[in-house]
Amino acid sequence: MRRRADQGTGEGPLSEINTTPLIDVSLVLVVILMVASPLAFESSFGVHTGSPLAQPAVVEDVPDRVELAITGENRVEVNGRAVAIDQLAGALQPLLGAAGRSRDVAVSCAGDVSHGAFVRVLDIAKLNGAANIAVAEK
């Protein structure tokens, strides 16, 4: 760095950048973030204890996925329970429409089932609220 006397006539402004305020502000921000980060994490994990008189909620065990197995031309198993293909819509409606959200459906098919029966089961599942249908190999 040159001094003003070295520049000759002394005319013209100093063109040096003063980095001291920039470094001061940066260090203050780093310290503030170091102090505030643990406080932010601690405040987001609140533990709420229930009253000793409260009863536990009854949780209904509803699977995330409905499994369909086409065992014959007119027979389908819904989560392991045998249902006639004509009554499939009634069996799927409570499972797929429960809790206001649509569920995934996995369909497996026996080798002797016709293509028409397979497509009919897929259509019934889609009409009753299946979000995603996966074809599984049996």
Protein backbone atom coordinates (compact mmCIF):
# COMPACT_ATOMS: atom_id res chain seq x y z
CA MET A 1 0.00 0.00 0.00
CA ARG A 2 1.23 3.43 -0.82
CA ARG A 3 0.99 6.42 1.32
CA ARG A 4 -0.38 9.67 0.10
CA ALA A 5 3.10 11.20 0.09
CA ASP A 6 4.29 8.46 -2.26
CA GLN A 7 1.61 9.27 -4.81
CA GLY A 8 3.19 12.49 -5.73
CA THR A 9 1.00 15.58 -5.74
CA GLY A 10 -1.48 14.44 -3.10
CA GLU A 11 -4.44 15.03 -5.33
CA GLY A 12 -7.04 12.30 -5.74
CA PRO A 13 -8.93 10.22 -3.25
CA LEU A 14 -7.72 7.22 -1.32
CA SER A 15 -9.00 4.10 -3.04
CA GLU A 16 -8.51 1.61 -0.24
CA ILE A 17 -11.47 -0.37 1.03
CA ASN A 18 -11.88 -0.37 4.77
CA THR A 19 -12.74 -3.99 5.65
CA THR A 20 -12.81 -3.54 9.41
CA PRO A 21 -16.58 -2.77 9.67
CA LEU A 22 -17.37 -5.69 7.37
CA ILE A 23 -15.39 -8.10 9.53
CA ASP A 24 -16.94 -6.69 12.72
CA VAL A 25 -20.49 -7.15 11.45
CA SER A 26 -19.71 -10.66 10.18
CA LEU A 27 -18.29 -11.75 13.51
CA VAL A 28 -21.28 -10.33 15.39
CA LEU A 29 -23.65 -12.27 13.09
CA VAL A 30 -21.69 -15.49 13.63
CA VAL A 31 -21.86 -15.10 17.40
CA ILE A 32 -25.61 -14.37 17.29
CA LEU A 33 -26.24 -17.46 15.15
CA MET A 34 -24.13 -19.62 17.44
CA VAL A 35 -26.16 -18.51 20.45
CA ALA A 36 -29.58 -18.63 18.74
CA SER A 37 -29.28 -22.04 17.02
CA PRO A 38 -29.43 -24.22 20.15
CA LEU A 39 -32.28 -22.12 21.50
CA ALA A 40 -34.27 -22.59 18.29
CA PHE A 41 -33.80 -26.38 18.38
CA GLU A 42 -34.72 -26.65 22.05
CA SER A 43 -37.90 -24.66 21.63
CA SER A 44 -39.15 -26.78 18.71
CA PHE A 45 -39.08 -30.06 20.66
CA GLY A 46 -41.74 -29.59 23.28
CA VAL A 47 -42.81 -32.53 25.43
CA HIS A 48 -46.42 -32.38 26.50
CA THR A 49 -47.52 -34.72 29.23
CA GLY A 50 -51.13 -35.75 29.46
CA SER A 51 -53.18 -35.54 32.58
CA PRO A 52 -53.19 -38.68 34.73
CA LEU A 53 -56.97 -39.01 34.31
CA ALA A 54 -56.90 -39.06 30.53
CA GLN A 55 -57.82 -42.26 28.74
CA PRO A 56 -55.65 -43.49 25.88
CA ALA A 57 -57.15 -43.00 22.45
CA VAL A 58 -58.44 -46.02 20.60
CA VAL A 59 -56.38 -46.36 17.47
CA GLU A 60 -57.91 -48.32 14.66
CA ASP A 61 -55.33 -50.40 12.84
CA VAL A 62 -55.90 -49.55 9.19
CA PRO A 63 -53.17 -50.81 6.87
CA ASP A 64 -51.51 -48.36 4.50
CA ARG A 65 -51.96 -50.75 1.61
CA VAL A 66 -54.90 -52.92 0.56
CA GLU A 67 -53.90 -56.27 -0.90
CA LEU A 68 -56.14 -57.93 -3.48
CA ALA A 69 -55.53 -61.49 -4.65
CA ILE A 70 -57.61 -62.72 -7.56
CA THR A 71 -57.89 -66.46 -6.87
CA GLY A 72 -60.50 -67.41 -9.43
CA GLU A 73 -62.82 -66.06 -12.11
CA ASN A 74 -65.33 -64.81 -9.50
CA ARG A 75 -63.28 -64.96 -6.27
CA VAL A 76 -61.09 -62.22 -4.80
CA GLU A 77 -59.30 -62.04 -1.46
CA VAL A 78 -59.22 -58.62 0.19
CA ASN A 79 -56.41 -58.55 2.81
CA GLY A 80 -56.73 -62.34 3.11
CA ARG A 81 -60.54 -62.43 3.39
CA ALA A 82 -62.43 -64.16 0.55
CA VAL A 83 -65.01 -61.99 -1.23
CA ALA A 84 -67.13 -62.61 -4.33
CA ILE A 85 -66.25 -60.30 -7.22
CA ASP A 86 -69.79 -58.87 -7.17
CA GLN A 87 -69.33 -57.77 -3.54
CA LEU A 88 -65.83 -56.37 -4.04
CA ALA A 89 -66.98 -52.73 -4.20
CA GLY A 90 -68.72 -53.04 -0.83
CA ALA A 91 -65.62 -54.61 0.74
CA LEU A 92 -63.22 -52.00 -0.70
CA GLN A 93 -65.24 -48.89 0.09
CA PRO A 94 -64.58 -48.82 3.86
CA LEU A 95 -60.90 -49.71 3.36
CA LEU A 96 -60.12 -47.21 0.61
CA GLY A 97 -62.31 -44.35 1.79
CA ALA A 98 -61.31 -44.51 5.47
CA ALA A 99 -59.86 -41.41 7.13
CA GLY A 100 -60.48 -39.25 4.06
CA ARG A 101 -57.36 -40.34 2.21
CA SER A 102 -56.80 -42.74 -0.61
CA ARG A 103 -54.63 -45.80 -0.14
CA ASP A 104 -52.41 -47.85 -2.38
CA VAL A 105 -53.66 -51.18 -3.71
CA ALA A 106 -51.52 -54.21 -4.55
CA VAL A 107 -53.16 -56.74 -6.89
CA SER A 108 -51.90 -60.27 -7.48
CA CYS A 109 -53.53 -62.70 -9.86
CA ALA A 110 -53.60 -66.48 -10.26
CA GLY A 111 -52.43 -67.86 -13.60
CA ASP A 112 -55.80 -69.24 -14.72
CA VAL A 113 -57.77 -65.99 -14.31
CA SER A 114 -58.93 -64.30 -17.50
CA HIS A 115 -57.73 -60.88 -18.54
CA GLY A 116 -61.30 -59.53 -18.32
CA ALA A 117 -61.67 -60.52 -14.66
CA PHE A 118 -58.32 -58.92 -13.85
CA VAL A 119 -59.28 -55.64 -15.53
CA ARG A 120 -62.69 -55.69 -13.82
CA VAL A 121 -61.00 -55.90 -10.39
CA LEU A 122 -58.67 -53.03 -11.31
CA ASP A 123 -61.65 -50.91 -12.41
CA ILE A 124 -63.58 -51.60 -9.21
CA ALA A 125 -60.55 -50.67 -7.10
CA LYS A 126 -59.97 -47.42 -9.02
CA LEU A 127 -63.65 -46.43 -8.82
CA ASN A 128 -63.65 -46.93 -5.05
CA GLY A 129 -60.72 -44.57 -4.41
CA ALA A 130 -57.47 -46.44 -5.00
CA ALA A 131 -54.70 -43.86 -5.45
CA ASN A 132 -52.02 -46.12 -6.89
CA ILE A 133 -52.46 -49.68 -8.10
CA ALA A 134 -49.46 -52.00 -8.15
CA VAL A 135 -49.52 -55.39 -9.85
CA ALA A 136 -47.68 -57.95 -7.76
CA GLU A 137 -46.47 -61.33 -8.92
CA LYS A 138 -47.79 -64.26 -6.95
